[in-house]
PDB file of N, CA and C in Angstrom:
ATOM      1  N   UNK A   1      14.475  -1.983  -0.406  1.00  0.00           N
ATOM      2  CA  UNK A   1      13.052  -1.883  -0.665  1.00  0.00           C
ATOM      3  C   UNK A   1      12.242  -2.768   0.291  1.00  0.00           C
ATOM      4  N   UNK A   2      12.834  -3.828   0.810  1.00  0.00           N
ATOM      5  CA  UNK A   2      12.095  -4.724   1.714  1.00  0.00           C
ATOM      6  C   UNK A   2      11.560  -3.986   2.943  1.00  0.00           C
ATOM      7  N   UNK A   3      12.393  -3.129   3.528  1.00  0.00           N
ATOM      8  CA  UNK A   3      11.953  -2.371   4.705  1.00  0.00           C
ATOM      9  C   UNK A   3      10.808  -1.432   4.340  1.00  0.00           C
ATOM     10  N   UNK A   4      10.901  -0.836   3.159  1.00  0.00           N
ATOM     11  CA  UNK A   4       9.840   0.073   2.713  1.00  0.00           C
ATOM     12  C   UNK A   4       8.536  -0.680   2.463  1.00  0.00           C
ATOM     13  N   UNK A   5       8.637  -1.894   1.939  1.00  0.00           N
ATOM     14  CA  UNK A   5       7.420  -2.698   1.733  1.00  0.00           C
ATOM     15  C   UNK A   5       6.771  -3.020   3.072  1.00  0.00           C
ATOM     16  N   UNK A   6       7.579  -3.354   4.056  1.00  0.00           N
ATOM     17  CA  UNK A   6       7.040  -3.647   5.391  1.00  0.00           C
ATOM     18  C   UNK A   6       6.406  -2.402   6.005  1.00  0.00           C
ATOM     19  N   UNK A   7       7.063  -1.255   5.819  1.00  0.00           N
ATOM     20  CA  UNK A   7       6.529   0.017   6.308  1.00  0.00           C
ATOM     21  C   UNK A   7       5.172   0.309   5.661  1.00  0.00           C
ATOM     22  N   UNK A   8       5.105   0.094   4.347  1.00  0.00           N
ATOM     23  CA  UNK A   8       3.868   0.357   3.613  1.00  0.00           C
ATOM     24  C   UNK A   8       2.769  -0.610   4.060  1.00  0.00           C
ATOM     25  N   UNK A   9       3.103  -1.873   4.232  1.00  0.00           N
ATOM     26  CA  UNK A   9       2.125  -2.862   4.700  1.00  0.00           C
ATOM     27  C   UNK A   9       1.547  -2.472   6.055  1.00  0.00           C
ATOM     28  N   UNK A  10       2.404  -2.065   6.965  1.00  0.00           N
ATOM     29  CA  UNK A  10       1.937  -1.669   8.296  1.00  0.00           C
ATOM     30  C   UNK A  10       1.044  -0.433   8.209  1.00  0.00           C
ATOM     31  N   UNK A  11       1.436   0.524   7.385  1.00  0.00           N
ATOM     32  CA  UNK A  11       0.617   1.730   7.201  1.00  0.00           C
ATOM     33  C   UNK A  11      -0.730   1.367   6.581  1.00  0.00           C
ATOM     34  N   UNK A  12      -0.726   0.428   5.646  1.00  0.00           N
ATOM     35  CA  UNK A  12      -1.964  -0.021   5.000  1.00  0.00           C
ATOM     36  C   UNK A  12      -2.884  -0.699   6.016  1.00  0.00           C
ATOM     37  N   UNK A  13      -2.326  -1.500   6.892  1.00  0.00           N
ATOM     38  CA  UNK A  13      -3.116  -2.140   7.956  1.00  0.00           C
ATOM     39  C   UNK A  13      -3.785  -1.091   8.846  1.00  0.00           C
ATOM     40  N   UNK A  14      -3.028  -0.097   9.241  1.00  0.00           N
ATOM     41  CA  UNK A  14      -3.546   0.927  10.146  1.00  0.00           C
ATOM     42  C   UNK A  14      -4.492   1.891   9.444  1.00  0.00           C
ATOM     43  N   UNK A  15      -4.329   2.041   8.151  1.00  0.00           N
ATOM     44  CA  UNK A  15      -5.133   2.969   7.358  1.00  0.00           C
ATOM     45  C   UNK A  15      -6.607   2.556   7.286  1.00  0.00           C
ATOM     46  N   UNK A  16      -6.862   1.250   7.197  1.00  0.00           N
ATOM     47  CA  UNK A  16      -8.213   0.683   7.120  1.00  0.00           C
ATOM     48  C   UNK A  16      -9.074   1.329   6.033  1.00  0.00           C
ATOM     49  N   UNK A  17      -8.452   1.604   4.870  1.00  0.00           N
ATOM     50  CA  UNK A  17      -9.194   2.099   3.718  1.00  0.00           C
ATOM     51  C   UNK A  17      -9.528   3.573   3.731  1.00  0.00           C
ATOM     52  N   UNK A  18      -9.041   4.324   4.698  1.00  0.00           N
ATOM     53  CA  UNK A  18      -9.421   5.737   4.835  1.00  0.00           C
ATOM     54  C   UNK A  18      -8.698   6.666   3.869  1.00  0.00           C
ATOM     55  N   UNK A  19      -7.405   6.424   3.665  1.00  0.00           N
ATOM     56  CA  UNK A  19      -6.596   7.309   2.815  1.00  0.00           C
ATOM     57  C   UNK A  19      -6.217   6.565   1.543  1.00  0.00           C
ATOM     58  N   UNK A  20      -6.218   7.249   0.421  1.00  0.00           N
ATOM     59  CA  UNK A  20      -5.886   6.601  -0.850  1.00  0.00           C
ATOM     60  C   UNK A  20      -4.441   6.103  -0.847  1.00  0.00           C
ATOM     61  N   UNK A  21      -4.191   5.042  -1.616  1.00  0.00           N
ATOM     62  CA  UNK A  21      -2.900   4.340  -1.563  1.00  0.00           C
ATOM     63  C   UNK A  21      -1.710   5.233  -1.919  1.00  0.00           C
ATOM     64  N   UNK A  22      -1.902   6.179  -2.823  1.00  0.00           N
ATOM     65  CA  UNK A  22      -0.803   7.071  -3.204  1.00  0.00           C
ATOM     66  C   UNK A  22      -0.515   8.068  -2.082  1.00  0.00           C
ATOM     67  N   UNK A  23      -1.565   8.632  -1.506  1.00  0.00           N
ATOM     68  CA  UNK A  23      -1.388   9.569  -0.387  1.00  0.00           C
ATOM     69  C   UNK A  23      -0.757   8.859   0.811  1.00  0.00           C
ATOM     70  N   UNK A  24      -1.116   7.604   0.995  1.00  0.00           N
ATOM     71  CA  UNK A  24      -0.519   6.813   2.069  1.00  0.00           C
ATOM     72  C   UNK A  24       0.992   6.686   1.849  1.00  0.00           C
ATOM     73  N   UNK A  25       1.378   6.401   0.612  1.00  0.00           N
ATOM     74  CA  UNK A  25       2.803   6.327   0.275  1.00  0.00           C
ATOM     75  C   UNK A  25       3.507   7.659   0.487  1.00  0.00           C
ATOM     76  N   UNK A  26       2.850   8.742   0.065  1.00  0.00           N
ATOM     77  CA  UNK A  26       3.441  10.078   0.240  1.00  0.00           C
ATOM     78  C   UNK A  26       3.636  10.401   1.712  1.00  0.00           C
ATOM     79  N   UNK A  27       2.710   9.948   2.558  1.00  0.00           N
ATOM     80  CA  UNK A  27       2.840  10.209   3.995  1.00  0.00           C
ATOM     81  C   UNK A  27       4.058   9.499   4.587  1.00  0.00           C
ATOM     82  N   UNK A  28       4.542   8.480   3.882  1.00  0.00           N
ATOM     83  CA  UNK A  28       5.745   7.756   4.310  1.00  0.00           C
ATOM     84  C   UNK A  28       7.004   8.299   3.632  1.00  0.00           C
ATOM     85  N   UNK A  29       6.820   9.325   2.791  1.00  0.00           N
ATOM     86  CA  UNK A  29       7.954   9.929   2.100  1.00  0.00           C
ATOM     87  C   UNK A  29       8.264   9.302   0.756  1.00  0.00           C
ATOM     88  N   UNK A  30       7.353   8.486   0.223  1.00  0.00           N
ATOM     89  CA  UNK A  30       7.561   7.813  -1.057  1.00  0.00           C
ATOM     90  C   UNK A  30       6.936   8.627  -2.192  1.00  0.00           C
ATOM     91  N   UNK A  31       7.562   8.607  -3.360  1.00  0.00           N
ATOM     92  CA  UNK A  31       6.980   9.239  -4.549  1.00  0.00           C
ATOM     93  C   UNK A  31       5.847   8.352  -5.068  1.00  0.00           C
ATOM     94  N   UNK A  32       5.040   8.896  -5.971  1.00  0.00           N
ATOM     95  CA  UNK A  32       3.957   8.111  -6.577  1.00  0.00           C
ATOM     96  C   UNK A  32       4.538   6.895  -7.301  1.00  0.00           C
ATOM     97  N   UNK A  33       5.621   7.112  -8.044  1.00  0.00           N
ATOM     98  CA  UNK A  33       6.237   6.029  -8.814  1.00  0.00           C
ATOM     99  C   UNK A  33       6.762   4.922  -7.896  1.00  0.00           C
ATOM    100  N   UNK A  34       7.393   5.320  -6.812  1.00  0.00           N
ATOM    101  CA  UNK A  34       7.933   4.337  -5.868  1.00  0.00           C
ATOM    102  C   UNK A  34       6.795   3.588  -5.178  1.00  0.00           C
ATOM    103  N   UNK A  35       5.735   4.312  -4.819  1.00  0.00           N
ATOM    104  CA  UNK A  35       4.565   3.673  -4.202  1.00  0.00           C
ATOM    105  C   UNK A  35       3.955   2.664  -5.168  1.00  0.00           C
ATOM    106  N   UNK A  36       3.830   3.041  -6.447  1.00  0.00           N
ATOM    107  CA  UNK A  36       3.294   2.117  -7.456  1.00  0.00           C
ATOM    108  C   UNK A  36       4.150   0.856  -7.547  1.00  0.00           C
ATOM    109  N   UNK A  37       5.466   1.025  -7.487  1.00  0.00           N
ATOM    110  CA  UNK A  37       6.382  -0.122  -7.560  1.00  0.00           C
ATOM    111  C   UNK A  37       6.199  -1.032  -6.339  1.00  0.00           C
ATOM    112  N   UNK A  38       6.079  -0.435  -5.161  1.00  0.00           N
ATOM    113  CA  UNK A  38       5.849  -1.212  -3.938  1.00  0.00           C
ATOM    114  C   UNK A  38       4.537  -1.986  -4.054  1.00  0.00           C
ATOM    115  N   UNK A  39       3.489  -1.322  -4.521  1.00  0.00           N
ATOM    116  CA  UNK A  39       2.183  -1.975  -4.682  1.00  0.00           C
ATOM    117  C   UNK A  39       2.296  -3.147  -5.655  1.00  0.00           C
ATOM    118  N   UNK A  40       2.971  -2.941  -6.788  1.00  0.00           N
ATOM    119  CA  UNK A  40       3.147  -4.019  -7.770  1.00  0.00           C
ATOM    120  C   UNK A  40       3.854  -5.218  -7.152  1.00  0.00           C
ATOM    121  N   UNK A  41       4.910  -4.967  -6.407  1.00  0.00           N
ATOM    122  CA  UNK A  41       5.654  -6.067  -5.788  1.00  0.00           C
ATOM    123  C   UNK A  41       4.820  -6.784  -4.730  1.00  0.00           C
ATOM    124  N   UNK A  42       4.097  -6.024  -3.914  1.00  0.00           N
ATOM    125  CA  UNK A  42       3.258  -6.645  -2.883  1.00  0.00           C
ATOM    126  C   UNK A  42       2.121  -7.450  -3.510  1.00  0.00           C
ATOM    127  N   UNK A  43       1.587  -6.973  -4.633  1.00  0.00           N
ATOM    128  CA  UNK A  43       0.551  -7.732  -5.348  1.00  0.00           C
ATOM    129  C   UNK A  43       1.145  -9.034  -5.899  1.00  0.00           C
ATOM    130  N   UNK A  44       2.325  -8.952  -6.495  1.00  0.00           N
ATOM    131  CA  UNK A  44       2.985 -10.133  -7.061  1.00  0.00           C
ATOM    132  C   UNK A  44       3.291 -11.166  -5.980  1.00  0.00           C
ATOM    133  N   UNK A  45       3.599 -10.690  -4.781  1.00  0.00           N
ATOM    134  CA  UNK A  45       3.885 -11.583  -3.650  1.00  0.00           C
ATOM    135  C   UNK A  45       2.605 -12.040  -2.948  1.00  0.00           C
ATOM    136  N   UNK A  46       1.457 -11.562  -3.434  1.00  0.00           N
ATOM    137  CA  UNK A  46       0.136 -11.886  -2.870  1.00  0.00           C
ATOM    138  C   UNK A  46       0.021 -11.487  -1.404  1.00  0.00           C
ATOM    139  N   UNK A  47       0.643 -10.362  -1.057  1.00  0.00           N
ATOM    140  CA  UNK A  47       0.566  -9.850   0.316  1.00  0.00           C
ATOM    141  C   UNK A  47      -0.529  -8.794   0.453  1.00  0.00           C
ATOM    142  N   UNK A  48      -0.958  -8.235  -0.700  1.00  0.00           N
ATOM    143  CA  UNK A  48      -2.100  -7.326  -0.722  1.00  0.00           C
ATOM    144  C   UNK A  48      -2.998  -7.719  -1.889  1.00  0.00           C
ATOM    145  N   UNK A  49      -4.261  -7.306  -1.817  1.00  0.00           N
ATOM    146  CA  UNK A  49      -5.204  -7.555  -2.902  1.00  0.00           C
ATOM    147  C   UNK A  49      -5.890  -6.257  -3.281  1.00  0.00           C
ATOM    148  N   UNK A  50      -6.369  -6.217  -4.538  1.00  0.00           N
ATOM    149  CA  UNK A  50      -7.134  -5.066  -4.997  1.00  0.00           C
ATOM    150  C   UNK A  50      -8.512  -5.153  -4.371  1.00  0.00           C
ATOM    151  N   UNK A  51      -8.994  -4.034  -3.852  1.00  0.00           N
ATOM    152  CA  UNK A  51     -10.274  -4.018  -3.141  1.00  0.00           C
ATOM    153  C   UNK A  51     -10.956  -2.675  -3.395  1.00  0.00           C
ATOM    154  N   UNK A  52     -11.737  -2.604  -4.474  1.00  0.00           N
ATOM    155  CA  UNK A  52     -12.429  -1.355  -4.811  1.00  0.00           C
ATOM    156  C   UNK A  52     -13.567  -1.110  -3.831  1.00  0.00           C
ATOM    157  N   UNK A  53     -13.965   0.133  -3.720  1.00  0.00           N
ATOM    158  CA  UNK A  53     -15.121   0.452  -2.899  1.00  0.00           C
ATOM    159  C   UNK A  53     -14.825   1.359  -1.728  1.00  0.00           C
ATOM    160  N   UNK A  54     -13.560   1.500  -1.389  1.00  0.00           N
ATOM    161  CA  UNK A  54     -13.174   2.427  -0.331  1.00  0.00           C
ATOM    162  C   UNK A  54     -12.217   3.445  -0.939  1.00  0.00           C
ATOM    163  N   UNK A  55     -11.798   4.397  -0.149  1.00  0.00           N
ATOM    164  CA  UNK A  55     -10.845   5.394  -0.644  1.00  0.00           C
ATOM    165  C   UNK A  55      -9.553   4.719  -1.083  1.00  0.00           C
ATOM    166  N   UNK A  56      -9.073   3.761  -0.301  1.00  0.00           N
ATOM    167  CA  UNK A  56      -7.875   2.997  -0.646  1.00  0.00           C
ATOM    168  C   UNK A  56      -8.303   1.733  -1.382  1.00  0.00           C
ATOM    169  N   UNK A  57      -7.688   1.470  -2.536  1.00  0.00           N
ATOM    170  CA  UNK A  57      -8.091   0.341  -3.369  1.00  0.00           C
ATOM    171  C   UNK A  57      -7.364  -0.966  -3.067  1.00  0.00           C
ATOM    172  N   UNK A  58      -6.602  -1.008  -1.988  1.00  0.00           N
ATOM    173  CA  UNK A  58      -5.851  -2.218  -1.656  1.00  0.00           C
ATOM    174  C   UNK A  58      -6.023  -2.562  -0.191  1.00  0.00           C
ATOM    175  N   UNK A  59      -5.960  -3.864   0.095  1.00  0.00           N
ATOM    176  CA  UNK A  59      -5.995  -4.291   1.492  1.00  0.00           C
ATOM    177  C   UNK A  59      -4.981  -5.405   1.698  1.00  0.00           C
ATOM    178  N   UNK A  60      -4.543  -5.539   2.927  1.00  0.00           N
ATOM    179  CA  UNK A  60      -3.535  -6.533   3.295  1.00  0.00           C
ATOM    180  C   UNK A  60      -4.188  -7.903   3.381  1.00  0.00           C
ATOM    181  N   UNK A  61      -3.518  -8.906   2.828  1.00  0.00           N
ATOM    182  CA  UNK A  61      -3.973 -10.286   2.948  1.00  0.00           C
ATOM    183  C   UNK A  61      -3.509 -10.782   4.310  1.00  0.00           C
ATOM    184  N   UNK A  62      -4.449 -11.176   5.138  1.00  0.00           N
ATOM    185  CA  UNK A  62      -4.101 -11.634   6.497  1.00  0.00           C
ATOM    186  C   UNK A  62      -4.026 -13.139   6.543  1.00  0.00           C
TER     187      UNK A  62
END
């Protein structure tokens, strides 16, 4: 899962809020459930934050 989290983080950086977080995961071949799990883990690790107001509700903590 570590490689997938890194893949998702990089995709999130490049996405810049344009595509919703679930669709972003699907574009990487992840199911909704798996994407949700990745998001939960990244939130727990404080590597992403919730950020309402754009299509994607999460952003990478830099």
